[in-house]
Amino acid sequence: MPMDPERRQRYQERAGLTDEQIQQTTGTLTVDRAAAQADGVDLAQVDLARTAVQNIMAECTVISAAYNQIALETERDARDSVDQQDLAADRALLEDSFTKDYRLTDPAGNIGGRDKTMEAIFSGKIRKETFGRGGFETLSDEFMVKGDTAISVGVFRMNATQLARNIKTGETRRRRRTGTFRSTHTYVRSDDRWRLAASQLTLQPDPDNLPGPADAADWVFVDD
């Protein structure tokens, strides 16, 4: 169920999102074609899978960017400010892009399912400065296909904020969530359609991530 072209254009305009920024966000899904051939993988099937996954990633980026922009502008849950028909259509599209038993493991080790992940997108829970260079940018990626399973592994950089709670005082406020992360996404094919089944995100230690603010140990990001 592809995204309606008119809605997609409207969302890109709302977020000020260009096609170039979408590509910077999603990456290129680089395929080692020689290795795939050596493993006896049909390259035509790899290309079909790659195109399908790129479409999923692009539509998720467009939707996420639109809700992110609303959250930035209103400084509130984006779901309270959008047309409810649009929200219902976006929820239906994402439900069809993820498996029902989808699992996300975030950098803090929290595990969420499909519905929790979608609502985080719609609410603008993690508010990126922008999408593409300087905001949420894929730095490198690889893509491989084994039968009805496809895997992408990569590195991305994110500049964002998220609500956090001080474990000593109970105070809550938005804190920087910036860093370089490694990602692994697993897709499965069923009913002749590729869907995202699992994601694992890990903060990559580097000079840009460390050291953090002096009081960083007193704060935890709110997961609900």
C-alpha atoms as a PDB file:
ATOM      1  CA  MET A   1       0.000   0.000   0.000  1.00  0.00           C
ATOM      2  CA  PRO A   2       2.186   2.868  -1.271  1.00  0.00           C
ATOM      3  CA  MET A   3       1.779   6.367   0.105  1.00  0.00           C
ATOM      4  CA  ASP A   4      -0.615   8.617  -1.798  1.00  0.00           C
ATOM      5  CA  PRO A   5       1.553  10.931  -3.991  1.00  0.00           C
ATOM      6  CA  GLU A   6      -0.452  14.033  -3.059  1.00  0.00           C
ATOM      7  CA  ARG A   7      -0.093  13.329   0.648  1.00  0.00           C
ATOM      8  CA  ARG A   8       3.599  12.605   0.254  1.00  0.00           C
ATOM      9  CA  GLN A   9       4.193  15.921  -1.538  1.00  0.00           C
ATOM     10  CA  ARG A  10       2.179  17.768   1.106  1.00  0.00           C
ATOM     11  CA  TYR A  11       4.200  16.159   3.894  1.00  0.00           C
ATOM     12  CA  GLN A  12       7.517  16.974   2.227  1.00  0.00           C
ATOM     13  CA  GLU A  13       6.436  20.599   1.851  1.00  0.00           C
ATOM     14  CA  ARG A  14       5.289  20.725   5.469  1.00  0.00           C
ATOM     15  CA  ALA A  15       8.669  19.445   6.664  1.00  0.00           C
ATOM     16  CA  GLY A  16      10.736  21.322   4.070  1.00  0.00           C
ATOM     17  CA  LEU A  17      12.075  17.923   3.051  1.00  0.00           C
ATOM     18  CA  THR A  18      13.791  17.475  -0.314  1.00  0.00           C
ATOM     19  CA  ASP A  19      14.408  14.238  -2.202  1.00  0.00           C
ATOM     20  CA  GLU A  20      18.133  14.747  -1.570  1.00  0.00           C
ATOM     21  CA  GLN A  21      17.513  14.903   2.197  1.00  0.00           C
ATOM     22  CA  ILE A  22      15.483  11.706   2.011  1.00  0.00           C
ATOM     23  CA  GLN A  23      18.419   9.942   0.354  1.00  0.00           C
ATOM     24  CA  GLN A  24      20.837  11.360   2.926  1.00  0.00           C
ATOM     25  CA  THR A  25      18.572  10.019   5.668  1.00  0.00           C
ATOM     26  CA  THR A  26      17.975   6.554   4.254  1.00  0.00           C
ATOM     27  CA  GLY A  27      21.364   5.884   2.643  1.00  0.00           C
ATOM     28  CA  THR A  28      21.961   3.893  -0.509  1.00  0.00           C
ATOM     29  CA  LEU A  29      21.757   0.261   0.722  1.00  0.00           C
ATOM     30  CA  THR A  30      25.102  -0.754  -0.756  1.00  0.00           C
ATOM     31  CA  VAL A  31      25.210  -4.307  -2.114  1.00  0.00           C
ATOM     32  CA  ASP A  32      28.408  -6.352  -2.408  1.00  0.00           C
ATOM     33  CA  ARG A  33      27.391  -7.887  -5.713  1.00  0.00           C
ATOM     34  CA  ALA A  34      30.501 -10.048  -6.055  1.00  0.00           C
ATOM     35  CA  ALA A  35      29.921 -11.609  -2.616  1.00  0.00           C
ATOM     36  CA  ALA A  36      26.236 -12.132  -3.379  1.00  0.00           C
ATOM     37  CA  GLN A  37      27.070 -13.906  -6.638  1.00  0.00           C
ATOM     38  CA  ALA A  38      29.671 -16.049  -4.879  1.00  0.00           C
ATOM     39  CA  ASP A  39      26.930 -17.132  -2.441  1.00  0.00           C
ATOM     40  CA  GLY A  40      24.667 -18.057  -5.335  1.00  0.00           C
ATOM     41  CA  VAL A  41      22.220 -15.227  -4.677  1.00  0.00           C
ATOM     42  CA  ASP A  42      20.050 -14.091  -7.583  1.00  0.00           C
ATOM     43  CA  LEU A  43      21.075 -10.454  -8.121  1.00  0.00           C
ATOM     44  CA  ALA A  44      17.746  -9.644  -9.763  1.00  0.00           C
ATOM     45  CA  GLN A  45      15.990 -10.673  -6.543  1.00  0.00           C
ATOM     46  CA  VAL A  46      18.441  -8.589  -4.529  1.00  0.00           C
ATOM     47  CA  ASP A  47      17.626  -5.543  -6.656  1.00  0.00           C
ATOM     48  CA  LEU A  48      13.881  -6.084  -6.216  1.00  0.00           C
ATOM     49  CA  ALA A  49      14.279  -6.413  -2.452  1.00  0.00           C
ATOM     50  CA  ARG A  50      16.514  -3.346  -2.305  1.00  0.00           C
ATOM     51  CA  THR A  51      13.957  -1.232  -4.182  1.00  0.00           C
ATOM     52  CA  ALA A  52      11.136  -2.418  -1.912  1.00  0.00           C
ATOM     53  CA  VAL A  53      13.120  -1.657   1.246  1.00  0.00           C
ATOM     54  CA  GLN A  54      14.182   1.748  -0.073  1.00  0.00           C
ATOM     55  CA  ASN A  55      10.506   2.583  -0.629  1.00  0.00           C
ATOM     56  CA  ILE A  56       9.653   1.568   2.942  1.00  0.00           C
ATOM     57  CA  MET A  57      12.511   3.675   4.305  1.00  0.00           C
ATOM     58  CA  ALA A  58      11.601   6.696   2.186  1.00  0.00           C
ATOM     59  CA  GLU A  59       7.928   6.644   3.191  1.00  0.00           C
ATOM     60  CA  CYS A  60       8.818   6.228   6.868  1.00  0.00           C
ATOM     61  CA  THR A  61      11.187   9.191   6.548  1.00  0.00           C
ATOM     62  CA  VAL A  62       8.557  11.414   4.939  1.00  0.00           C
ATOM     63  CA  ILE A  63       5.979  10.563   7.596  1.00  0.00           C
ATOM     64  CA  SER A  64       8.465  10.936  10.440  1.00  0.00           C
ATOM     65  CA  ALA A  65       9.706  14.284   9.123  1.00  0.00           C
ATOM     66  CA  ALA A  66       6.179  15.692   8.855  1.00  0.00           C
ATOM     67  CA  TYR A  67       5.239  14.766  12.428  1.00  0.00           C
ATOM     68  CA  ASN A  68       8.659  15.831  13.677  1.00  0.00           C
ATOM     69  CA  GLN A  69       8.152  19.290  12.183  1.00  0.00           C
ATOM     70  CA  ILE A  70       4.742  19.651  13.824  1.00  0.00           C
ATOM     71  CA  ALA A  71       6.213  18.658  17.197  1.00  0.00           C
ATOM     72  CA  LEU A  72       9.033  21.182  16.782  1.00  0.00           C
ATOM     73  CA  GLU A  73       6.635  23.987  15.854  1.00  0.00           C
ATOM     74  CA  THR A  74       4.001  23.297  18.522  1.00  0.00           C
ATOM     75  CA  GLU A  75       6.314  21.921  21.236  1.00  0.00           C
ATOM     76  CA  ARG A  76       3.693  19.293  21.984  1.00  0.00           C
ATOM     77  CA  ASP A  77       2.569  15.819  20.934  1.00  0.00           C
ATOM     78  CA  ALA A  78       2.145  16.043  17.154  1.00  0.00           C
ATOM     79  CA  ARG A  79      -0.869  13.720  17.245  1.00  0.00           C
ATOM     80  CA  ASP A  80      -2.876  16.500  18.892  1.00  0.00           C
ATOM     81  CA  SER A  81      -2.317  18.867  15.967  1.00  0.00           C
ATOM     82  CA  VAL A  82      -2.764  16.769  12.830  1.00  0.00           C
ATOM     83  CA  ASP A  83      -5.774  15.941  10.721  1.00  0.00           C
ATOM     84  CA  GLN A  84      -7.120  12.708  12.183  1.00  0.00           C
ATOM     85  CA  GLN A  85      -7.854  11.272   8.731  1.00  0.00           C
ATOM     86  CA  ASP A  86      -4.195  11.775   7.817  1.00  0.00           C
ATOM     87  CA  LEU A  87      -3.153  10.147  11.078  1.00  0.00           C
ATOM     88  CA  ALA A  88      -5.380   7.129  10.393  1.00  0.00           C
ATOM     89  CA  ALA A  89      -3.993   6.781   6.857  1.00  0.00           C
ATOM     90  CA  ASP A  90      -0.406   7.060   8.102  1.00  0.00           C
ATOM     91  CA  ARG A  91      -1.027   4.496  10.821  1.00  0.00           C
ATOM     92  CA  ALA A  92      -2.481   2.055   8.279  1.00  0.00           C
ATOM     93  CA  LEU A  93       0.503   2.553   5.952  1.00  0.00           C
ATOM     94  CA  LEU A  94       3.074   1.937   8.690  1.00  0.00           C
ATOM     95  CA  GLU A  95       1.149  -1.050  10.035  1.00  0.00           C
ATOM     96  CA  ASP A  96       1.557  -2.602   6.591  1.00  0.00           C
ATOM     97  CA  SER A  97       5.276  -1.738   6.487  1.00  0.00           C
ATOM     98  CA  PHE A  98       6.130  -3.491   9.777  1.00  0.00           C
ATOM     99  CA  THR A  99       5.429  -7.086  10.751  1.00  0.00           C
ATOM    100  CA  LYS A 100       2.859  -7.475  13.510  1.00  0.00           C
ATOM    101  CA  ASP A 101       5.537  -8.854  15.833  1.00  0.00           C
ATOM    102  CA  TYR A 102       8.136  -6.190  14.986  1.00  0.00           C
ATOM    103  CA  ARG A 103      10.683  -5.532  17.729  1.00  0.00           C
ATOM    104  CA  LEU A 104      12.946  -2.513  18.247  1.00  0.00           C
ATOM    105  CA  THR A 105      15.828  -2.593  20.708  1.00  0.00           C
ATOM    106  CA  ASP A 106      17.000   0.968  21.327  1.00  0.00           C
ATOM    107  CA  PRO A 107      20.488   2.085  22.458  1.00  0.00           C
ATOM    108  CA  ALA A 108      19.421   1.959  26.125  1.00  0.00           C
ATOM    109  CA  GLY A 109      18.237  -1.643  25.791  1.00  0.00           C
ATOM    110  CA  ASN A 110      14.519  -0.793  25.835  1.00  0.00           C
ATOM    111  CA  ILE A 111      12.391  -3.081  23.685  1.00  0.00           C
ATOM    112  CA  GLY A 112       9.306  -1.879  21.863  1.00  0.00           C
ATOM    113  CA  GLY A 113       6.816  -3.425  19.481  1.00  0.00           C
ATOM    114  CA  ARG A 114       5.215  -2.153  16.313  1.00  0.00           C
ATOM    115  CA  ASP A 115       2.533   0.006  17.922  1.00  0.00           C
ATOM    116  CA  LYS A 116       4.897   1.636  20.401  1.00  0.00           C
ATOM    117  CA  THR A 117       7.380   2.407  17.638  1.00  0.00           C
ATOM    118  CA  MET A 118       4.708   3.940  15.407  1.00  0.00           C
ATOM    119  CA  GLU A 119       3.305   6.104  18.195  1.00  0.00           C
ATOM    120  CA  ALA A 120       6.824   7.381  18.942  1.00  0.00           C
ATOM    121  CA  ILE A 121       7.004   8.512  15.309  1.00  0.00           C
ATOM    122  CA  PHE A 122       3.570  10.136  15.336  1.00  0.00           C
ATOM    123  CA  SER A 123       4.085  11.928  18.644  1.00  0.00           C
ATOM    124  CA  GLY A 124       7.462  13.391  17.699  1.00  0.00           C
ATOM    125  CA  LYS A 125       8.966  11.788  20.796  1.00  0.00           C
ATOM    126  CA  ILE A 126      12.538  12.122  19.490  1.00  0.00           C
ATOM    127  CA  ARG A 127      12.703  15.532  17.815  1.00  0.00           C
ATOM    128  CA  LYS A 128      15.402  15.698  15.167  1.00  0.00           C
ATOM    129  CA  GLU A 129      16.881  19.071  14.237  1.00  0.00           C
ATOM    130  CA  THR A 130      16.318  18.139  10.605  1.00  0.00           C
ATOM    131  CA  PHE A 131      16.495  15.160   8.269  1.00  0.00           C
ATOM    132  CA  GLY A 132      19.525  14.565   6.120  1.00  0.00           C
ATOM    133  CA  ARG A 133      22.892  16.211   6.689  1.00  0.00           C
ATOM    134  CA  GLY A 134      23.159  17.853  10.101  1.00  0.00           C
ATOM    135  CA  GLY A 135      20.126  16.132  11.560  1.00  0.00           C
ATOM    136  CA  PHE A 136      19.520  12.452  10.844  1.00  0.00           C
ATOM    137  CA  GLU A 137      22.006  11.173   8.284  1.00  0.00           C
ATOM    138  CA  THR A 138      23.100   7.699   7.243  1.00  0.00           C
ATOM    139  CA  LEU A 139      26.891   7.647   7.033  1.00  0.00           C
ATOM    140  CA  SER A 140      27.381   4.126   5.670  1.00  0.00           C
ATOM    141  CA  ASP A 141      25.292   1.045   5.015  1.00  0.00           C
ATOM    142  CA  GLU A 142      25.326  -2.456   3.551  1.00  0.00           C
ATOM    143  CA  PHE A 143      22.445  -4.573   2.282  1.00  0.00           C
ATOM    144  CA  MET A 144      22.204  -8.329   1.790  1.00  0.00           C
ATOM    145  CA  VAL A 145      19.450 -10.768   0.919  1.00  0.00           C
ATOM    146  CA  LYS A 146      19.153 -14.428   1.891  1.00  0.00           C
ATOM    147  CA  GLY A 147      15.966 -15.966   0.524  1.00  0.00           C
ATOM    148  CA  ASP A 148      12.979 -14.284   2.179  1.00  0.00           C
ATOM    149  CA  THR A 149      15.159 -12.352   4.623  1.00  0.00           C
ATOM    150  CA  ALA A 150      16.990  -9.082   3.974  1.00  0.00           C
ATOM    151  CA  ILE A 151      19.364  -7.321   6.360  1.00  0.00           C
ATOM    152  CA  SER A 152      20.744  -3.808   6.350  1.00  0.00           C
ATOM    153  CA  VAL A 153      23.586  -2.799   8.646  1.00  0.00           C
ATOM    154  CA  GLY A 154      24.844   0.744   8.875  1.00  0.00           C
ATOM    155  CA  VAL A 155      25.959   3.787  10.792  1.00  0.00           C
ATOM    156  CA  PHE A 156      23.943   6.970  11.215  1.00  0.00           C
ATOM    157  CA  ARG A 157      24.380  10.299  12.938  1.00  0.00           C
ATOM    158  CA  MET A 158      21.518  11.951  14.824  1.00  0.00           C
ATOM    159  CA  ASN A 159      21.087  15.415  16.350  1.00  0.00           C
ATOM    160  CA  ALA A 160      17.880  15.427  18.379  1.00  0.00           C
ATOM    161  CA  THR A 161      16.210  15.961  21.736  1.00  0.00           C
ATOM    162  CA  GLN A 162      14.071  13.649  23.852  1.00  0.00           C
ATOM    163  CA  LEU A 163      12.191  13.991  27.117  1.00  0.00           C
ATOM    164  CA  ALA A 164      14.349  12.838  30.017  1.00  0.00           C
ATOM    165  CA  ARG A 165      13.817  12.390  33.758  1.00  0.00           C
ATOM    166  CA  ASN A 166      16.280  13.272  36.510  1.00  0.00           C
ATOM    167  CA  ILE A 167      16.593  10.182  38.712  1.00  0.00           C
ATOM    168  CA  LYS A 168      17.493  12.313  41.732  1.00  0.00           C
ATOM    169  CA  THR A 169      14.912  15.093  41.569  1.00  0.00           C
ATOM    170  CA  GLY A 170      12.154  13.669  39.354  1.00  0.00           C
ATOM    171  CA  GLU A 171      12.379  16.717  37.067  1.00  0.00           C
ATOM    172  CA  THR A 172      11.527  16.091  33.409  1.00  0.00           C
ATOM    173  CA  ARG A 173      12.694  18.141  30.446  1.00  0.00           C
ATOM    174  CA  ARG A 174      14.009  17.677  26.953  1.00  0.00           C
ATOM    175  CA  ARG A 175      17.697  16.754  26.703  1.00  0.00           C
ATOM    176  CA  ARG A 176      20.082  16.362  23.814  1.00  0.00           C
ATOM    177  CA  ARG A 177      20.118  12.915  22.219  1.00  0.00           C
ATOM    178  CA  THR A 178      22.989  13.278  19.811  1.00  0.00           C
ATOM    179  CA  GLY A 179      25.502  10.730  18.670  1.00  0.00           C
ATOM    180  CA  THR A 180      26.671   8.218  16.117  1.00  0.00           C
ATOM    181  CA  PHE A 181      24.775   4.941  16.131  1.00  0.00           C
ATOM    182  CA  ARG A 182      25.126   1.524  14.547  1.00  0.00           C
ATOM    183  CA  SER A 183      21.949  -0.051  13.203  1.00  0.00           C
ATOM    184  CA  THR A 184      20.802  -3.478  12.082  1.00  0.00           C
ATOM    185  CA  HIS A 185      17.410  -3.828  10.404  1.00  0.00           C
ATOM    186  CA  THR A 186      15.886  -7.159   9.402  1.00  0.00           C
ATOM    187  CA  TYR A 187      13.188  -7.402   6.740  1.00  0.00           C
ATOM    188  CA  VAL A 188      11.127 -10.450   5.811  1.00  0.00           C
ATOM    189  CA  ARG A 189       9.100 -11.207   2.707  1.00  0.00           C
ATOM    190  CA  SER A 190       5.617 -12.637   3.044  1.00  0.00           C
ATOM    191  CA  ASP A 191       2.553 -12.395   0.807  1.00  0.00           C
ATOM    192  CA  ASP A 192       4.929 -11.062  -1.866  1.00  0.00           C
ATOM    193  CA  ARG A 193       5.722  -7.965   0.248  1.00  0.00           C
ATOM    194  CA  TRP A 194       8.766  -6.944   2.260  1.00  0.00           C
ATOM    195  CA  ARG A 195       8.214  -5.706   5.820  1.00  0.00           C
ATOM    196  CA  LEU A 196      10.472  -4.544   8.629  1.00  0.00           C
ATOM    197  CA  ALA A 197      10.642  -7.241  11.315  1.00  0.00           C
ATOM    198  CA  ALA A 198      13.339  -6.127  13.770  1.00  0.00           C
ATOM    199  CA  SER A 199      15.728  -3.262  14.512  1.00  0.00           C
ATOM    200  CA  GLN A 200      18.738  -2.992  16.815  1.00  0.00           C
ATOM    201  CA  LEU A 201      20.366   0.370  17.570  1.00  0.00           C
ATOM    202  CA  THR A 202      23.662   0.783  19.421  1.00  0.00           C
ATOM    203  CA  LEU A 203      25.427   3.995  20.430  1.00  0.00           C
ATOM    204  CA  GLN A 204      28.895   3.994  18.924  1.00  0.00           C
ATOM    205  CA  PRO A 205      31.603   5.358  21.243  1.00  0.00           C
ATOM    206  CA  ASP A 206      33.433   8.201  19.565  1.00  0.00           C
ATOM    207  CA  PRO A 207      34.895  11.605  20.465  1.00  0.00           C
ATOM    208  CA  ASP A 208      31.626  13.345  19.535  1.00  0.00           C
ATOM    209  CA  ASN A 209      29.628  11.268  22.031  1.00  0.00           C
ATOM    210  CA  LEU A 210      32.032  11.499  24.995  1.00  0.00           C
ATOM    211  CA  PRO A 211      32.293  13.149  27.398  1.00  0.00           C
ATOM    212  CA  GLY A 212      28.672  14.206  27.928  1.00  0.00           C
ATOM    213  CA  PRO A 213      27.339  16.928  30.235  1.00  0.00           C
ATOM    214  CA  ALA A 214      28.635  16.732  33.794  1.00  0.00           C
ATOM    215  CA  ASP A 215      25.218  15.679  35.107  1.00  0.00           C
ATOM    216  CA  ALA A 216      24.496  13.164  32.300  1.00  0.00           C
ATOM    217  CA  ALA A 217      24.485  10.200  34.720  1.00  0.00           C
ATOM    218  CA  ASP A 218      21.573  11.758  36.626  1.00  0.00           C
ATOM    219  CA  TRP A 219      19.241  11.671  33.619  1.00  0.00           C
ATOM    220  CA  VAL A 220      17.446   8.839  31.806  1.00  0.00           C
ATOM    221  CA  PHE A 221      15.417   9.178  28.639  1.00  0.00           C
ATOM    222  CA  VAL A 222      11.702   8.609  29.123  1.00  0.00           C
ATOM    223  CA  ASP A 223      10.669   5.505  27.242  1.00  0.00           C
ATOM    224  CA  ASP A 224       6.869   5.925  27.469  1.00  0.00           C
END
